[in-house]
Amino acid sequence: MSFKVYFFKASPEIDWSEYWHNYDVAEHFALIEAETTLSVVLKYLPQNGVILDAGCGLGRWTQYLRQRGYRVVGLDKSLEGLKAGRDHAPSLPVVCASVLETPFPKESFDGAICFGLVEHFEGGPADALAELHRILTQGGFLLVSVPYNNLVRRLLVNPLYGLRNLKRRLLGYQLAFNEYRFSARELSHFLTESGFDVIACYPDEFKPPRCKGLFVDARSLQGGLRPTTSWELGSIAKRLRGLLDSISPWLCCGGVLCVAKRVTRTQPATTCVKEPNQ
């Protein structure tokens, strides 16, 4: 498993109801137009099928895609988040349940998106991916996005983060698991083992001046779990992001989005997707 991220809280689980309660819903919905992966989502999701937004939170992707003509159902275990989303969009079709045990019959959906969810299971993403495989039709596309363990994180941020955690433990703080940061190869492996063919991987970021990777890294080094809708960098960090992006968009991007297809295999699966060039 890749790099573990912790936050400081007595509870062993994230209180997602509290997390979503602090969001500005309208601003959170508006962030979709800043997503670099928006074109990927629109390219692969079928317009004539039924789509699941797994781990929909406030339902921003559910609402956005429905406005674009897609038939989408949202799924999340946080009732508070779903209520906040319905307050913003009363007709939003959502279901309160865990992705580990959905109420849907086998092969109910022709496509699914799962953004910012499977990394939060400390036992790994396999069980969630297996359930998504079960409820997708043959040939259905699954788009999964998780935090990316990019080069800047591996060389600089993760070692600093590890030292910060050691200091906190010595001071008596209790650390609770938050999420994993995966490489593209790791996520592709989990998808392949769950019965998917991985088609492509893309850097998951915001268009400038917003930024996921460097912005999240600065917050994670400070500790805590605080929602935001700004995602704006300072002037120095903006110049750094521009320099790194000019070399490769993978160097400091916040996430990796894998596009996979549910298939019926006639031979053992192999993971053929290579780590993106950095």
Protein backbone atom coordinates (compact mmCIF):
# COMPACT_ATOMS: atom_id res chain seq x y z
CA MET A 1 0.00 0.00 0.00
CA SER A 2 1.20 3.53 -0.70
CA PHE A 3 1.74 6.49 1.60
CA LYS A 4 -0.62 6.88 4.58
CA VAL A 5 -1.98 10.29 5.56
CA TYR A 6 -3.17 10.86 9.14
CA PHE A 7 -5.01 13.62 10.92
CA PHE A 8 -5.35 14.46 14.59
CA LYS A 9 -8.62 13.36 16.08
CA ALA A 10 -9.71 11.01 18.83
CA SER A 11 -12.23 9.19 16.65
CA PRO A 12 -10.83 6.39 14.44
CA GLU A 13 -13.10 7.48 11.58
CA ILE A 14 -13.64 10.72 9.71
CA ASP A 15 -16.91 12.41 10.64
CA TRP A 16 -18.09 13.10 7.10
CA SER A 17 -21.32 14.67 8.34
CA GLU A 18 -19.30 17.32 10.14
CA TYR A 19 -17.00 17.68 7.13
CA TRP A 20 -19.74 18.37 4.57
CA HIS A 21 -21.63 20.63 6.99
CA ASN A 22 -18.84 23.21 6.72
CA TYR A 23 -18.85 23.49 2.93
CA ASP A 24 -20.28 26.33 0.86
CA VAL A 25 -22.41 24.11 -1.38
CA ALA A 26 -22.79 26.52 -4.31
CA GLU A 27 -19.04 27.21 -4.49
CA HIS A 28 -18.26 23.52 -4.16
CA PHE A 29 -20.55 22.72 -7.12
CA ALA A 30 -18.94 25.48 -9.19
CA LEU A 31 -15.49 23.88 -8.86
CA ILE A 32 -16.35 21.25 -11.50
CA GLU A 33 -15.65 23.68 -14.35
CA ALA A 34 -12.10 24.03 -12.99
CA GLU A 35 -11.42 20.26 -13.07
CA THR A 36 -8.78 19.19 -15.62
CA THR A 37 -10.49 15.78 -15.80
CA LEU A 38 -13.91 17.13 -16.82
CA SER A 39 -13.28 16.35 -20.50
CA VAL A 40 -12.28 12.78 -19.57
CA VAL A 41 -15.52 12.26 -17.66
CA LEU A 42 -17.61 13.53 -20.56
CA LYS A 43 -15.65 11.40 -23.03
CA TYR A 44 -16.09 8.02 -21.34
CA LEU A 45 -19.47 8.09 -19.56
CA PRO A 46 -22.31 6.83 -21.77
CA GLN A 47 -25.04 9.37 -22.48
CA ASN A 48 -27.65 6.65 -23.04
CA GLY A 49 -26.99 4.62 -19.89
CA VAL A 50 -27.51 4.92 -16.14
CA ILE A 51 -24.54 6.29 -14.15
CA LEU A 52 -23.66 5.91 -10.46
CA ASP A 53 -21.83 8.68 -8.62
CA ALA A 54 -20.29 6.58 -5.81
CA GLY A 55 -19.28 8.63 -2.79
CA CYS A 56 -21.11 11.65 -4.19
CA GLY A 57 -20.84 13.77 -1.02
CA LEU A 58 -22.91 16.88 -1.71
CA GLY A 59 -23.80 15.51 -5.15
CA ARG A 60 -21.97 18.10 -7.22
CA TRP A 61 -21.03 15.67 -10.01
CA THR A 62 -24.49 14.10 -9.86
CA GLN A 63 -26.14 17.45 -10.42
CA TYR A 64 -23.65 18.64 -13.04
CA LEU A 65 -23.91 15.52 -15.17
CA ARG A 66 -27.70 15.51 -14.96
CA GLN A 67 -27.67 19.07 -16.25
CA ARG A 68 -25.59 17.78 -19.19
CA GLY A 69 -28.23 15.16 -19.98
CA TYR A 70 -26.79 12.14 -18.17
CA ARG A 71 -28.97 9.81 -16.08
CA VAL A 72 -27.09 9.82 -12.77
CA VAL A 73 -27.83 8.52 -9.27
CA GLY A 74 -25.74 9.62 -6.29
CA LEU A 75 -24.62 7.32 -3.48
CA ASP A 76 -23.05 8.32 -0.16
CA LYS A 77 -23.16 7.11 3.45
CA SER A 78 -23.24 10.65 4.87
CA LEU A 79 -26.88 11.63 5.33
CA GLU A 80 -25.81 15.15 6.32
CA GLY A 81 -23.94 15.59 3.04
CA LEU A 82 -26.85 14.28 1.00
CA LYS A 83 -29.29 16.58 2.80
CA ALA A 84 -27.08 19.59 2.11
CA GLY A 85 -26.91 18.62 -1.55
CA ARG A 86 -30.68 18.18 -1.75
CA ASP A 87 -31.16 21.61 -0.16
CA HIS A 88 -29.19 23.00 -3.09
CA ALA A 89 -30.85 20.75 -5.70
CA PRO A 90 -34.15 19.34 -4.29
CA SER A 91 -34.76 16.91 -7.17
CA LEU A 92 -31.33 15.26 -6.90
CA PRO A 93 -31.72 11.42 -6.92
CA VAL A 94 -29.49 10.13 -4.12
CA VAL A 95 -29.22 6.99 -1.97
CA CYS A 96 -27.75 6.85 1.54
CA ALA A 97 -25.58 3.72 1.70
CA SER A 98 -21.97 2.57 1.77
CA VAL A 99 -20.16 1.71 -1.44
CA LEU A 100 -19.03 -1.47 0.31
CA GLU A 101 -22.62 -2.75 0.38
CA THR A 102 -24.90 -0.96 -2.05
CA PRO A 103 -28.64 -1.74 -2.34
CA PHE A 104 -28.46 -2.20 -6.12
CA PRO A 105 -28.88 -5.50 -8.03
CA LYS A 106 -26.08 -6.94 -10.13
CA GLU A 107 -25.27 -5.03 -13.33
CA SER A 108 -27.52 -2.06 -12.51
CA PHE A 109 -25.33 0.67 -14.03
CA ASP A 110 -23.73 1.31 -17.41
CA GLY A 111 -21.04 3.54 -15.94
CA ALA A 112 -19.78 4.88 -12.63
CA ILE A 113 -17.58 7.60 -11.20
CA CYS A 114 -15.87 7.28 -7.84
CA PHE A 115 -13.91 10.39 -6.89
CA GLY A 116 -12.13 10.78 -3.55
CA LEU A 117 -13.58 7.68 -1.88
CA VAL A 118 -11.67 4.38 -2.10
CA GLU A 119 -8.49 5.87 -0.60
CA HIS A 120 -10.28 6.28 2.74
CA PHE A 121 -10.54 2.54 3.48
CA GLU A 122 -7.56 1.58 5.61
CA GLY A 123 -7.86 -2.04 4.49
CA GLY A 124 -7.43 -0.89 0.89
CA PRO A 125 -9.76 -0.21 -2.06
CA ALA A 126 -10.33 -3.82 -3.15
CA ASP A 127 -13.72 -4.35 -1.45
CA ALA A 128 -15.15 -1.10 -2.81
CA LEU A 129 -13.91 -1.86 -6.32
CA ALA A 130 -15.36 -5.36 -6.14
CA GLU A 131 -18.80 -3.94 -5.31
CA LEU A 132 -18.54 -1.43 -8.14
CA HIS A 133 -17.61 -4.28 -10.47
CA ARG A 134 -20.69 -6.21 -9.33
CA ILE A 135 -23.16 -3.42 -10.08
CA LEU A 136 -21.65 -2.40 -13.45
CA THR A 137 -22.77 -3.99 -16.71
CA GLN A 138 -20.29 -5.80 -18.93
CA GLY A 139 -18.28 -3.19 -20.81
CA GLY A 140 -19.33 -0.46 -18.39
CA PHE A 141 -16.78 2.26 -17.67
CA LEU A 142 -15.56 3.05 -14.15
CA LEU A 143 -13.69 6.31 -13.53
CA VAL A 144 -11.79 6.32 -10.22
CA SER A 145 -9.81 9.22 -8.81
CA VAL A 146 -7.53 9.00 -5.75
CA PRO A 147 -4.77 11.16 -4.24
CA TYR A 148 -1.58 10.75 -6.28
CA ASN A 149 1.78 10.04 -4.67
CA ASN A 150 3.60 12.40 -7.00
CA LEU A 151 7.34 13.05 -7.21
CA VAL A 152 7.24 16.21 -5.07
CA ARG A 153 5.42 14.29 -2.36
CA ARG A 154 7.80 11.33 -2.49
CA LEU A 155 10.95 13.46 -2.38
CA LEU A 156 9.91 16.30 -0.07
CA VAL A 157 6.40 16.34 1.38
CA ASN A 158 6.17 12.73 2.63
CA PRO A 159 9.49 12.81 4.57
CA LEU A 160 8.49 16.12 6.21
CA TYR A 161 5.07 14.71 6.94
CA GLY A 162 6.62 11.63 8.53
CA LEU A 163 8.82 13.78 10.80
CA ARG A 164 5.80 15.88 11.76
CA ASN A 165 3.86 12.74 12.68
CA LEU A 166 6.76 11.39 14.75
CA LYS A 167 6.94 14.66 16.67
CA ARG A 168 3.20 14.62 17.27
CA ARG A 169 3.27 11.04 18.56
CA LEU A 170 6.14 11.87 20.94
CA LEU A 171 4.05 14.77 22.25
CA GLY A 172 1.16 12.39 22.96
CA TYR A 173 -1.14 13.22 20.06
CA GLN A 174 -3.47 10.52 18.74
CA LEU A 175 -3.28 10.04 14.98
CA ALA A 176 -6.20 8.66 12.99
CA PHE A 177 -6.02 7.26 9.47
CA ASN A 178 -7.34 9.59 6.79
CA GLU A 179 -6.33 8.30 3.36
CA TYR A 180 -3.75 6.64 1.13
CA ARG A 181 -1.83 8.35 -1.63
CA PHE A 182 -1.42 5.91 -4.53
CA SER A 183 0.81 5.67 -7.55
CA ALA A 184 -0.88 5.15 -10.91
CA ARG A 185 0.58 1.66 -11.01
CA GLU A 186 -0.90 0.76 -7.62
CA LEU A 187 -4.38 1.97 -8.52
CA SER A 188 -4.21 0.18 -11.88
CA HIS A 189 -3.22 -3.03 -10.10
CA PHE A 190 -6.21 -2.85 -7.75
CA LEU A 191 -8.55 -2.23 -10.68
CA THR A 192 -7.12 -5.12 -12.67
CA GLU A 193 -7.36 -7.48 -9.71
CA SER A 194 -11.01 -6.43 -9.29
CA GLY A 195 -11.93 -7.46 -12.83
CA PHE A 196 -11.36 -4.28 -14.83
CA ASP A 197 -9.23 -3.47 -17.84
CA VAL A 198 -7.45 -0.15 -17.28
CA ILE A 199 -7.75 2.04 -20.38
CA ALA A 200 -5.80 5.16 -19.38
CA CYS A 201 -4.62 7.28 -16.45
CA TYR A 202 -4.81 11.08 -16.25
CA PRO A 203 -3.48 13.71 -13.82
CA ASP A 204 -6.35 14.95 -11.65
CA GLU A 205 -5.94 18.65 -10.93
CA PHE A 206 -7.57 22.06 -11.01
CA LYS A 207 -6.83 24.51 -13.77
CA PRO A 208 -4.74 27.52 -12.62
CA PRO A 209 -4.96 29.56 -10.47
CA ARG A 210 -6.45 26.75 -8.33
CA CYS A 211 -4.35 23.73 -7.43
CA LYS A 212 -5.05 20.47 -5.61
CA GLY A 213 -1.59 19.01 -5.06
CA LEU A 214 0.49 21.81 -3.57
CA PHE A 215 -2.51 23.29 -1.78
CA VAL A 216 -3.38 19.99 -0.07
CA ASP A 217 0.26 19.37 0.81
CA ALA A 218 0.54 22.68 2.62
CA ARG A 219 -2.64 21.94 4.59
CA SER A 220 -1.67 18.34 5.42
CA LEU A 221 1.65 19.47 6.88
CA GLN A 222 -0.31 21.79 9.16
CA GLY A 223 -2.55 18.91 10.29
CA GLY A 224 -6.31 18.67 10.58
CA LEU A 225 -9.14 18.11 8.13
CA ARG A 226 -10.61 21.38 6.97
CA PRO A 227 -12.89 21.75 3.95
CA THR A 228 -12.27 24.53 1.47
CA THR A 229 -13.60 25.85 -1.82
CA SER A 230 -10.79 28.29 -2.58
CA TRP A 231 -7.84 26.04 -3.54
CA GLU A 232 -5.82 29.17 -4.39
CA LEU A 233 -2.04 29.22 -4.03
CA GLY A 234 0.18 32.09 -2.97
CA SER A 235 2.32 33.85 -5.56
CA ILE A 236 5.47 31.78 -4.93
CA ALA A 237 3.56 28.48 -5.01
CA LYS A 238 1.80 29.55 -8.22
CA ARG A 239 5.15 30.12 -9.92
CA LEU A 240 6.41 26.77 -8.62
CA ARG A 241 3.35 24.97 -9.94
CA GLY A 242 3.79 26.66 -13.33
CA LEU A 243 7.44 25.58 -13.50
CA LEU A 244 6.67 21.98 -12.55
CA ASP A 245 3.73 21.76 -14.97
CA SER A 246 5.96 22.98 -17.79
CA ILE A 247 8.10 19.88 -17.22
CA SER A 248 5.26 17.41 -16.58
CA PRO A 249 1.70 17.74 -15.24
CA TRP A 250 2.38 14.65 -13.11
CA LEU A 251 5.10 16.22 -10.93
CA CYS A 252 2.83 17.93 -8.39
CA CYS A 253 -0.74 17.01 -9.39
CA GLY A 254 -3.04 16.19 -6.50
CA GLY A 255 -4.72 13.09 -7.90
CA VAL A 256 -4.68 10.36 -10.52
CA LEU A 257 -7.80 9.42 -12.48
CA CYS A 258 -7.94 5.91 -13.94
CA VAL A 259 -10.45 4.95 -16.61
CA ALA A 260 -11.32 1.25 -16.51
CA LYS A 261 -13.78 -1.07 -18.22
CA ARG A 262 -15.60 -4.03 -16.66
CA VAL A 263 -14.76 -7.11 -18.69
CA THR A 264 -15.24 -10.88 -18.69
CA ARG A 265 -11.81 -12.46 -18.62
CA THR A 266 -10.79 -15.63 -20.45
CA GLN A 267 -7.23 -15.57 -19.08
CA PRO A 268 -5.41 -14.30 -15.96
CA ALA A 269 -5.34 -10.52 -15.61
CA THR A 270 -2.16 -8.50 -15.89
CA THR A 271 -1.54 -4.86 -15.05
CA CYS A 272 -0.17 -3.26 -18.20
CA VAL A 273 -0.44 0.44 -17.37
CA LYS A 274 2.97 1.97 -16.64
CA GLU A 275 3.63 4.78 -14.24
CA PRO A 276 3.25 8.15 -16.03
CA ASN A 277 6.48 9.80 -17.07
CA GLN A 278 7.73 12.27 -14.51
